[in-house]
């Protein structure tokens, strides 16, 4: 999803060029063209998963074990969402007695 957003912003920048600017982040009073906005979003996403100067990842939410334990610190948690298809879902019949 993030990839699609960033790629779309880059393509819109190719079309509109530097003429189109939007406020980024909202409420800041700073205006950027769409390519700069795409780069800002990339930067923010990378820093969610990267380590800071203390070895912590924002993704781990301050969990000491995930940040510093040698068995966990090198792994990044990734949650995959699987959406069931219509044929896989079963709706229980309502009992109206």
PDB file of N, CA and C in Angstrom:
ATOM      1  N   UNK A   1       0.824  -1.185   0.000  1.00  0.00           N
ATOM      2  CA  UNK A   1       0.000   0.000   0.000  1.00  0.00           C
ATOM      3  C   UNK A   1       0.873   1.255   0.000  1.00  0.00           C
ATOM      4  N   UNK A   2       1.891   1.259   0.847  1.00  0.00           N
ATOM      5  CA  UNK A   2       2.777   2.415   0.898  1.00  0.00           C
ATOM      6  C   UNK A   2       3.490   2.621  -0.432  1.00  0.00           C
ATOM      7  N   UNK A   3       3.902   1.512  -1.044  1.00  0.00           N
ATOM      8  CA  UNK A   3       4.576   1.584  -2.339  1.00  0.00           C
ATOM      9  C   UNK A   3       3.670   2.244  -3.374  1.00  0.00           C
ATOM     10  N   UNK A   4       2.404   1.861  -3.392  1.00  0.00           N
ATOM     11  CA  UNK A   4       1.471   2.427  -4.370  1.00  0.00           C
ATOM     12  C   UNK A   4       1.288   3.923  -4.164  1.00  0.00           C
ATOM     13  N   UNK A   5       1.213   4.350  -2.923  1.00  0.00           N
ATOM     14  CA  UNK A   5       1.068   5.767  -2.617  1.00  0.00           C
ATOM     15  C   UNK A   5       2.288   6.553  -3.089  1.00  0.00           C
ATOM     16  N   UNK A   6       3.467   6.055  -2.754  1.00  0.00           N
ATOM     17  CA  UNK A   6       4.703   6.752  -3.120  1.00  0.00           C
ATOM     18  C   UNK A   6       4.878   6.795  -4.630  1.00  0.00           C
ATOM     19  N   UNK A   7       4.637   5.668  -5.295  1.00  0.00           N
ATOM     20  CA  UNK A   7       4.771   5.635  -6.750  1.00  0.00           C
ATOM     21  C   UNK A   7       3.761   6.562  -7.423  1.00  0.00           C
ATOM     22  N   UNK A   8       2.563   6.631  -6.902  1.00  0.00           N
ATOM     23  CA  UNK A   8       1.545   7.524  -7.469  1.00  0.00           C
ATOM     24  C   UNK A   8       1.955   8.985  -7.332  1.00  0.00           C
ATOM     25  N   UNK A   9       2.476   9.340  -6.174  1.00  0.00           N
ATOM     26  CA  UNK A   9       2.942  10.716  -5.986  1.00  0.00           C
ATOM     27  C   UNK A   9       4.075  11.056  -6.952  1.00  0.00           C
ATOM     28  N   UNK A  10       4.976  10.111  -7.173  1.00  0.00           N
ATOM     29  CA  UNK A  10       6.074  10.343  -8.113  1.00  0.00           C
ATOM     30  C   UNK A  10       5.553  10.527  -9.534  1.00  0.00           C
ATOM     31  N   UNK A  11       4.582   9.733  -9.914  1.00  0.00           N
ATOM     32  CA  UNK A  11       4.016   9.852 -11.271  1.00  0.00           C
ATOM     33  C   UNK A  11       3.232  11.148 -11.436  1.00  0.00           C
ATOM     34  N   UNK A  12       2.498  11.534 -10.418  1.00  0.00           N
ATOM     35  CA  UNK A  12       1.791  12.815 -10.501  1.00  0.00           C
ATOM     36  C   UNK A  12       2.782  13.971 -10.597  1.00  0.00           C
ATOM     37  N   UNK A  13       3.926  13.838  -9.934  1.00  0.00           N
ATOM     38  CA  UNK A  13       4.956  14.875 -10.039  1.00  0.00           C
ATOM     39  C   UNK A  13       5.484  14.962 -11.458  1.00  0.00           C
ATOM     40  N   UNK A  14       5.631  13.812 -12.115  1.00  0.00           N
ATOM     41  CA  UNK A  14       6.083  13.827 -13.510  1.00  0.00           C
ATOM     42  C   UNK A  14       5.108  14.609 -14.382  1.00  0.00           C
ATOM     43  N   UNK A  15       3.835  14.511 -14.079  1.00  0.00           N
ATOM     44  CA  UNK A  15       2.814  15.205 -14.867  1.00  0.00           C
ATOM     45  C   UNK A  15       2.722  16.683 -14.489  1.00  0.00           C
ATOM     46  N   UNK A  16       2.610  16.981 -13.195  1.00  0.00           N
ATOM     47  CA  UNK A  16       2.399  18.357 -12.736  1.00  0.00           C
ATOM     48  C   UNK A  16       3.690  19.149 -12.559  1.00  0.00           C
ATOM     49  N   UNK A  17       4.790  18.457 -12.337  1.00  0.00           N
ATOM     50  CA  UNK A  17       6.067  19.135 -12.147  1.00  0.00           C
ATOM     51  C   UNK A  17       6.138  19.842 -10.802  1.00  0.00           C
ATOM     52  N   UNK A  18       7.017  20.838 -10.739  1.00  0.00           N
ATOM     53  CA  UNK A  18       7.233  21.566  -9.494  1.00  0.00           C
ATOM     54  C   UNK A  18       6.157  22.615  -9.219  1.00  0.00           C
ATOM     55  N   UNK A  19       5.265  22.808 -10.165  1.00  0.00           N
ATOM     56  CA  UNK A  19       4.228  23.836 -10.017  1.00  0.00           C
ATOM     57  C   UNK A  19       3.236  23.509  -8.909  1.00  0.00           C
ATOM     58  N   UNK A  20       2.887  22.228  -8.774  1.00  0.00           N
ATOM     59  CA  UNK A  20       1.895  21.828  -7.778  1.00  0.00           C
ATOM     60  C   UNK A  20       2.584  21.578  -6.450  1.00  0.00           C
ATOM     61  N   UNK A  21       2.183  22.317  -5.433  1.00  0.00           N
ATOM     62  CA  UNK A  21       2.725  22.133  -4.096  1.00  0.00           C
ATOM     63  C   UNK A  21       1.584  21.914  -3.111  1.00  0.00           C
ATOM     64  N   UNK A  22       1.861  21.087  -2.132  1.00  0.00           N
ATOM     65  CA  UNK A  22       0.879  20.819  -1.075  1.00  0.00           C
ATOM     66  C   UNK A  22       1.560  21.023   0.271  1.00  0.00           C
ATOM     67  N   UNK A  23       0.748  21.256   1.291  1.00  0.00           N
ATOM     68  CA  UNK A  23       1.288  21.448   2.629  1.00  0.00           C
ATOM     69  C   UNK A  23       1.674  20.087   3.208  1.00  0.00           C
ATOM     70  N   UNK A  24       2.913  19.981   3.632  1.00  0.00           N
ATOM     71  CA  UNK A  24       3.401  18.710   4.172  1.00  0.00           C
ATOM     72  C   UNK A  24       4.398  18.987   5.287  1.00  0.00           C
ATOM     73  N   UNK A  25       4.178  18.445   6.470  1.00  0.00           N
ATOM     74  CA  UNK A  25       2.972  17.788   6.939  1.00  0.00           C
ATOM     75  C   UNK A  25       1.828  18.788   7.129  1.00  0.00           C
ATOM     76  N   UNK A  26       0.640  18.274   7.125  1.00  0.00           N
ATOM     77  CA  UNK A  26      -0.540  19.116   7.246  1.00  0.00           C
ATOM     78  C   UNK A  26      -0.456  19.976   8.507  1.00  0.00           C
ATOM     79  N   UNK A  27      -0.740  21.246   8.348  1.00  0.00           N
ATOM     80  CA  UNK A  27      -0.732  22.168   9.474  1.00  0.00           C
ATOM     81  C   UNK A  27       0.623  22.772   9.782  1.00  0.00           C
ATOM     82  N   UNK A  28       1.659  22.400   9.026  1.00  0.00           N
ATOM     83  CA  UNK A  28       3.011  22.884   9.314  1.00  0.00           C
ATOM     84  C   UNK A  28       3.303  24.232   8.675  1.00  0.00           C
ATOM     85  N   UNK A  29       2.580  24.550   7.600  1.00  0.00           N
ATOM     86  CA  UNK A  29       2.868  25.767   6.853  1.00  0.00           C
ATOM     87  C   UNK A  29       3.979  25.591   5.838  1.00  0.00           C
ATOM     88  N   UNK A  30       4.566  24.398   5.773  1.00  0.00           N
ATOM     89  CA  UNK A  30       5.610  24.093   4.794  1.00  0.00           C
ATOM     90  C   UNK A  30       4.972  23.484   3.548  1.00  0.00           C
ATOM     91  N   UNK A  31       5.393  23.956   2.388  1.00  0.00           N
ATOM     92  CA  UNK A  31       4.848  23.454   1.138  1.00  0.00           C
ATOM     93  C   UNK A  31       5.933  22.744   0.346  1.00  0.00           C
ATOM     94  N   UNK A  32       5.561  21.603  -0.241  1.00  0.00           N
ATOM     95  CA  UNK A  32       6.492  20.787  -1.012  1.00  0.00           C
ATOM     96  C   UNK A  32       5.810  20.358  -2.299  1.00  0.00           C
ATOM     97  N   UNK A  33       6.634  20.082  -3.326  1.00  0.00           N
ATOM     98  CA  UNK A  33       6.048  19.493  -4.524  1.00  0.00           C
ATOM     99  C   UNK A  33       5.810  18.009  -4.251  1.00  0.00           C
ATOM    100  N   UNK A  34       5.159  17.318  -5.167  1.00  0.00           N
ATOM    101  CA  UNK A  34       4.749  15.938  -4.912  1.00  0.00           C
ATOM    102  C   UNK A  34       5.933  14.982  -4.797  1.00  0.00           C
ATOM    103  N   UNK A  35       7.018  15.261  -5.502  1.00  0.00           N
ATOM    104  CA  UNK A  35       8.205  14.422  -5.381  1.00  0.00           C
ATOM    105  C   UNK A  35       8.800  14.547  -3.981  1.00  0.00           C
ATOM    106  N   UNK A  36       8.841  15.739  -3.447  1.00  0.00           N
ATOM    107  CA  UNK A  36       9.354  15.948  -2.090  1.00  0.00           C
ATOM    108  C   UNK A  36       8.456  15.274  -1.056  1.00  0.00           C
ATOM    109  N   UNK A  37       7.145  15.292  -1.293  1.00  0.00           N
ATOM    110  CA  UNK A  37       6.215  14.626  -0.382  1.00  0.00           C
ATOM    111  C   UNK A  37       6.462  13.119  -0.416  1.00  0.00           C
ATOM    112  N   UNK A  38       6.658  12.557  -1.607  1.00  0.00           N
ATOM    113  CA  UNK A  38       6.950  11.125  -1.729  1.00  0.00           C
ATOM    114  C   UNK A  38       8.232  10.776  -0.968  1.00  0.00           C
ATOM    115  N   UNK A  39       9.257  11.601  -1.074  1.00  0.00           N
ATOM    116  CA  UNK A  39      10.512  11.359  -0.374  1.00  0.00           C
ATOM    117  C   UNK A  39      10.334  11.466   1.140  1.00  0.00           C
ATOM    118  N   UNK A  40       9.504  12.396   1.583  1.00  0.00           N
ATOM    119  CA  UNK A  40       9.226  12.548   3.016  1.00  0.00           C
ATOM    120  C   UNK A  40       8.537  11.294   3.559  1.00  0.00           C
ATOM    121  N   UNK A  41       7.573  10.763   2.824  1.00  0.00           N
ATOM    122  CA  UNK A  41       6.879   9.553   3.257  1.00  0.00           C
ATOM    123  C   UNK A  41       7.839   8.372   3.281  1.00  0.00           C
ATOM    124  N   UNK A  42       8.702   8.249   2.253  1.00  0.00           N
ATOM    125  CA  UNK A  42       9.704   7.183   2.242  1.00  0.00           C
ATOM    126  C   UNK A  42      10.594   7.268   3.474  1.00  0.00           C
ATOM    127  N   UNK A  43      11.041   8.463   3.786  1.00  0.00           N
ATOM    128  CA  UNK A  43      11.921   8.686   4.935  1.00  0.00           C
ATOM    129  C   UNK A  43      11.238   8.250   6.234  1.00  0.00           C
ATOM    130  N   UNK A  44       9.978   8.605   6.382  1.00  0.00           N
ATOM    131  CA  UNK A  44       9.250   8.258   7.608  1.00  0.00           C
ATOM    132  C   UNK A  44       9.049   6.755   7.733  1.00  0.00           C
ATOM    133  N   UNK A  45       8.737   6.087   6.619  1.00  0.00           N
ATOM    134  CA  UNK A  45       8.523   4.639   6.660  1.00  0.00           C
ATOM    135  C   UNK A  45       9.822   3.915   7.000  1.00  0.00           C
ATOM    136  N   UNK A  46      10.919   4.341   6.400  1.00  0.00           N
ATOM    137  CA  UNK A  46      12.217   3.716   6.677  1.00  0.00           C
ATOM    138  C   UNK A  46      12.570   3.839   8.152  1.00  0.00           C
ATOM    139  N   UNK A  47      12.287   4.992   8.745  1.00  0.00           N
ATOM    140  CA  UNK A  47      12.649   5.198  10.145  1.00  0.00           C
ATOM    141  C   UNK A  47      11.753   4.458  11.128  1.00  0.00           C
ATOM    142  N   UNK A  48      10.628   3.978  10.687  1.00  0.00           N
ATOM    143  CA  UNK A  48       9.797   3.123  11.549  1.00  0.00           C
ATOM    144  C   UNK A  48      10.520   1.806  11.799  1.00  0.00           C
ATOM    145  N   UNK A  49      11.199   1.282  10.765  1.00  0.00           N
ATOM    146  CA  UNK A  49      11.831  -0.030  10.852  1.00  0.00           C
ATOM    147  C   UNK A  49      13.316   0.022  11.206  1.00  0.00           C
ATOM    148  N   UNK A  50      13.984   1.131  10.964  1.00  0.00           N
ATOM    149  CA  UNK A  50      15.420   1.239  11.236  1.00  0.00           C
ATOM    150  C   UNK A  50      15.709   1.480  12.704  1.00  0.00           C
ATOM    151  N   UNK A  51      16.938   1.206  13.095  1.00  0.00           N
ATOM    152  CA  UNK A  51      17.357   1.434  14.474  1.00  0.00           C
ATOM    153  C   UNK A  51      17.826   2.876  14.661  1.00  0.00           C
ATOM    154  N   UNK A  52      17.567   3.403  15.853  1.00  0.00           N
ATOM    155  CA  UNK A  52      18.088   4.729  16.186  1.00  0.00           C
ATOM    156  C   UNK A  52      19.504   4.582  16.746  1.00  0.00           C
ATOM    157  N   UNK A  53      20.082   5.662  17.244  1.00  0.00           N
ATOM    158  CA  UNK A  53      21.470   5.603  17.724  1.00  0.00           C
ATOM    159  C   UNK A  53      21.616   4.753  18.992  1.00  0.00           C
ATOM    160  N   UNK A  54      20.498   4.458  19.651  1.00  0.00           N
ATOM    161  CA  UNK A  54      20.523   3.628  20.857  1.00  0.00           C
ATOM    162  C   UNK A  54      20.193   2.172  20.560  1.00  0.00           C
ATOM    163  N   UNK A  55      19.950   1.841  19.289  1.00  0.00           N
ATOM    164  CA  UNK A  55      19.650   0.460  18.900  1.00  0.00           C
ATOM    165  C   UNK A  55      18.190   0.084  18.989  1.00  0.00           C
ATOM    166  N   UNK A  56      17.333   1.059  19.186  1.00  0.00           N
ATOM    167  CA  UNK A  56      15.890   0.788  19.299  1.00  0.00           C
ATOM    168  C   UNK A  56      15.192   0.990  17.950  1.00  0.00           C
ATOM    169  N   UNK A  57      14.154   0.200  17.716  1.00  0.00           N
ATOM    170  CA  UNK A  57      13.312   0.371  16.533  1.00  0.00           C
ATOM    171  C   UNK A  57      11.966   0.939  16.989  1.00  0.00           C
ATOM    172  N   UNK A  58      11.472   1.948  16.295  1.00  0.00           N
ATOM    173  CA  UNK A  58      10.167   2.526  16.636  1.00  0.00           C
ATOM    174  C   UNK A  58       9.072   1.476  16.549  1.00  0.00           C
ATOM    175  N   UNK A  59       9.222   0.557  15.631  1.00  0.00           N
ATOM    176  CA  UNK A  59       8.251  -0.512  15.426  1.00  0.00           C
ATOM    177  C   UNK A  59       8.034  -1.346  16.686  1.00  0.00           C
ATOM    178  N   UNK A  60       9.079  -1.499  17.499  1.00  0.00           N
ATOM    179  CA  UNK A  60       8.990  -2.341  18.691  1.00  0.00           C
ATOM    180  C   UNK A  60       8.342  -1.654  19.877  1.00  0.00           C
ATOM    181  N   UNK A  61       8.084  -0.379  19.792  1.00  0.00           N
ATOM    182  CA  UNK A  61       7.366   0.322  20.842  1.00  0.00           C
ATOM    183  C   UNK A  61       8.068   0.341  22.193  1.00  0.00           C
ATOM    184  N   UNK A  62       9.392   0.296  22.202  1.00  0.00           N
ATOM    185  CA  UNK A  62      10.130   0.345  23.461  1.00  0.00           C
ATOM    186  C   UNK A  62      10.277  -0.992  24.161  1.00  0.00           C
ATOM    187  N   UNK A  63       9.888  -2.084  23.515  1.00  0.00           N
ATOM    188  CA  UNK A  63      10.018  -3.408  24.102  1.00  0.00           C
ATOM    189  C   UNK A  63      11.496  -3.779  24.178  1.00  0.00           C
ATOM    190  N   UNK A  64      12.025  -3.896  25.393  1.00  0.00           N
ATOM    191  CA  UNK A  64      13.443  -4.159  25.609  1.00  0.00           C
ATOM    192  C   UNK A  64      13.902  -5.478  24.982  1.00  0.00           C
ATOM    193  N   UNK A  65      13.074  -6.505  25.104  1.00  0.00           N
ATOM    194  CA  UNK A  65      13.446  -7.815  24.573  1.00  0.00           C
ATOM    195  C   UNK A  65      13.597  -7.758  23.056  1.00  0.00           C
ATOM    196  N   UNK A  66      12.647  -7.127  22.368  1.00  0.00           N
ATOM    197  CA  UNK A  66      12.717  -7.054  20.914  1.00  0.00           C
ATOM    198  C   UNK A  66      13.852  -6.162  20.434  1.00  0.00           C
ATOM    199  N   UNK A  67      14.213  -5.173  21.217  1.00  0.00           N
ATOM    200  CA  UNK A  67      15.268  -4.243  20.813  1.00  0.00           C
ATOM    201  C   UNK A  67      16.680  -4.746  21.131  1.00  0.00           C
ATOM    202  N   UNK A  68      16.865  -5.466  22.228  1.00  0.00           N
ATOM    203  CA  UNK A  68      18.221  -5.767  22.673  1.00  0.00           C
ATOM    204  C   UNK A  68      18.564  -7.240  22.839  1.00  0.00           C
ATOM    205  N   UNK A  69      17.582  -8.109  22.970  1.00  0.00           N
ATOM    206  CA  UNK A  69      17.871  -9.528  23.137  1.00  0.00           C
ATOM    207  C   UNK A  69      18.511 -10.069  21.851  1.00  0.00           C
ATOM    208  N   UNK A  70      19.657 -10.772  21.960  1.00  0.00           N
ATOM    209  CA  UNK A  70      20.346 -11.242  20.756  1.00  0.00           C
ATOM    210  C   UNK A  70      19.522 -12.211  19.912  1.00  0.00           C
ATOM    211  N   UNK A  71      18.514 -12.837  20.499  1.00  0.00           N
ATOM    212  CA  UNK A  71      17.666 -13.759  19.734  1.00  0.00           C
ATOM    213  C   UNK A  71      16.527 -13.041  19.003  1.00  0.00           C
ATOM    214  N   UNK A  72      16.274 -11.796  19.332  1.00  0.00           N
ATOM    215  CA  UNK A  72      15.157 -11.067  18.744  1.00  0.00           C
ATOM    216  C   UNK A  72      15.555  -9.794  18.006  1.00  0.00           C
ATOM    217  N   UNK A  73      16.644  -9.137  18.399  1.00  0.00           N
ATOM    218  CA  UNK A  73      16.950  -7.792  17.920  1.00  0.00           C
ATOM    219  C   UNK A  73      17.162  -7.673  16.410  1.00  0.00           C
ATOM    220  N   UNK A  74      17.566  -8.751  15.758  1.00  0.00           N
ATOM    221  CA  UNK A  74      17.830  -8.679  14.315  1.00  0.00           C
ATOM    222  C   UNK A  74      16.615  -9.015  13.460  1.00  0.00           C
ATOM    223  N   UNK A  75      15.495  -9.293  14.094  1.00  0.00           N
ATOM    224  CA  UNK A  75      14.281  -9.639  13.358  1.00  0.00           C
ATOM    225  C   UNK A  75      13.262  -8.508  13.433  1.00  0.00           C
ATOM    226  N   UNK A  76      12.637  -8.235  12.314  1.00  0.00           N
ATOM    227  CA  UNK A  76      11.600  -7.204  12.254  1.00  0.00           C
ATOM    228  C   UNK A  76      10.254  -7.914  12.166  1.00  0.00           C
ATOM    229  N   UNK A  77       9.371  -7.568  13.074  1.00  0.00           N
ATOM    230  CA  UNK A  77       8.038  -8.160  13.074  1.00  0.00           C
ATOM    231  C   UNK A  77       7.278  -7.685  11.853  1.00  0.00           C
ATOM    232  N   UNK A  78       6.626  -8.604  11.191  1.00  0.00           N
ATOM    233  CA  UNK A  78       5.821  -8.272  10.016  1.00  0.00           C
ATOM    234  C   UNK A  78       4.487  -8.985  10.146  1.00  0.00           C
ATOM    235  N   UNK A  79       3.439  -8.207  10.165  1.00  0.00           N
ATOM    236  CA  UNK A  79       2.097  -8.768  10.305  1.00  0.00           C
ATOM    237  C   UNK A  79       1.453  -8.827   8.933  1.00  0.00           C
ATOM    238  N   UNK A  80       1.088 -10.035   8.534  1.00  0.00           N
ATOM    239  CA  UNK A  80       0.466 -10.224   7.236  1.00  0.00           C
ATOM    240  C   UNK A  80      -1.024 -10.429   7.448  1.00  0.00           C
ATOM    241  N   UNK A  81      -1.800  -9.706   6.699  1.00  0.00           N
ATOM    242  CA  UNK A  81      -3.248  -9.805   6.811  1.00  0.00           C
ATOM    243  C   UNK A  81      -3.754 -10.669   5.668  1.00  0.00           C
ATOM    244  N   UNK A  82      -4.545 -11.656   6.003  1.00  0.00           N
ATOM    245  CA  UNK A  82      -5.138 -12.500   4.982  1.00  0.00           C
ATOM    246  C   UNK A  82      -6.639 -12.291   5.019  1.00  0.00           C
ATOM    247  N   UNK A  83      -7.188 -11.943   3.884  1.00  0.00           N
ATOM    248  CA  UNK A  83      -8.618 -11.697   3.794  1.00  0.00           C
ATOM    249  C   UNK A  83      -9.274 -12.933   3.192  1.00  0.00           C
ATOM    250  N   UNK A  84     -10.251 -13.469   3.885  1.00  0.00           N
ATOM    251  CA  UNK A  84     -10.937 -14.671   3.422  1.00  0.00           C
ATOM    252  C   UNK A  84     -11.787 -14.358   2.203  1.00  0.00           C
ATOM    253  N   UNK A  85     -11.826 -15.312   1.288  1.00  0.00           N
ATOM    254  CA  UNK A  85     -12.673 -15.148   0.109  1.00  0.00           C
ATOM    255  C   UNK A  85     -14.107 -15.475   0.484  1.00  0.00           C
ATOM    256  N   UNK A  86     -15.009 -15.148  -0.398  1.00  0.00           N
ATOM    257  CA  UNK A  86     -16.427 -15.357  -0.135  1.00  0.00           C
ATOM    258  C   UNK A  86     -16.737 -16.833   0.113  1.00  0.00           C
ATOM    259  N   UNK A  87     -16.091 -17.724  -0.623  1.00  0.00           N
ATOM    260  CA  UNK A  87     -16.370 -19.152  -0.463  1.00  0.00           C
ATOM    261  C   UNK A  87     -15.838 -19.699   0.855  1.00  0.00           C
ATOM    262  N   UNK A  88     -14.877 -19.013   1.461  1.00  0.00           N
ATOM    263  CA  UNK A  88     -14.301 -19.475   2.725  1.00  0.00           C
ATOM    264  C   UNK A  88     -15.092 -19.022   3.942  1.00  0.00           C
ATOM    265  N   UNK A  89     -15.911 -18.004   3.784  1.00  0.00           N
ATOM    266  CA  UNK A  89     -16.664 -17.505   4.920  1.00  0.00           C
ATOM    267  C   UNK A  89     -17.973 -18.263   5.065  1.00  0.00           C
ATOM    268  N   UNK A  90     -18.286 -18.591   6.279  1.00  0.00           N
ATOM    269  CA  UNK A  90     -19.552 -19.299   6.544  1.00  0.00           C
ATOM    270  C   UNK A  90     -20.305 -18.493   7.589  1.00  0.00           C
ATOM    271  N   UNK A  91     -21.519 -18.212   7.282  1.00  0.00           N
ATOM    272  CA  UNK A  91     -22.359 -17.454   8.193  1.00  0.00           C
ATOM    273  C   UNK A  91     -23.294 -18.427   8.897  1.00  0.00           C
ATOM    274  N   UNK A  92     -23.253 -18.441  10.209  1.00  0.00           N
ATOM    275  CA  UNK A  92     -24.167 -19.343  10.933  1.00  0.00           C
ATOM    276  C   UNK A  92     -25.615 -18.900  10.717  1.00  0.00           C
ATOM    277  N   UNK A  93     -26.449 -19.890  10.559  1.00  0.00           N
ATOM    278  CA  UNK A  93     -27.872 -19.567  10.391  1.00  0.00           C
ATOM    279  C   UNK A  93     -28.416 -19.029  11.693  1.00  0.00           C
ATOM    280  N   UNK A  94     -29.216 -18.008  11.561  1.00  0.00           N
ATOM    281  CA  UNK A  94     -29.764 -17.387  12.776  1.00  0.00           C
ATOM    282  C   UNK A  94     -30.854 -18.269  13.357  1.00  0.00           C
ATOM    283  N   UNK A  95     -30.825 -18.427  14.644  1.00  0.00           N
ATOM    284  CA  UNK A  95     -31.841 -19.205  15.348  1.00  0.00           C
ATOM    285  C   UNK A  95     -32.866 -18.238  15.903  1.00  0.00           C
ATOM    286  N   UNK A  96     -34.015 -18.202  15.301  1.00  0.00           N
ATOM    287  CA  UNK A  96     -35.078 -17.292  15.757  1.00  0.00           C
ATOM    288  C   UNK A  96     -36.240 -18.117  16.269  1.00  0.00           C
ATOM    289  N   UNK A  97     -36.033 -18.766  17.405  1.00  0.00           N
ATOM    290  CA  UNK A  97     -37.122 -19.576  17.968  1.00  0.00           C
ATOM    291  C   UNK A  97     -37.646 -18.956  19.216  1.00  0.00           C
TER     292      UNK A  97
END
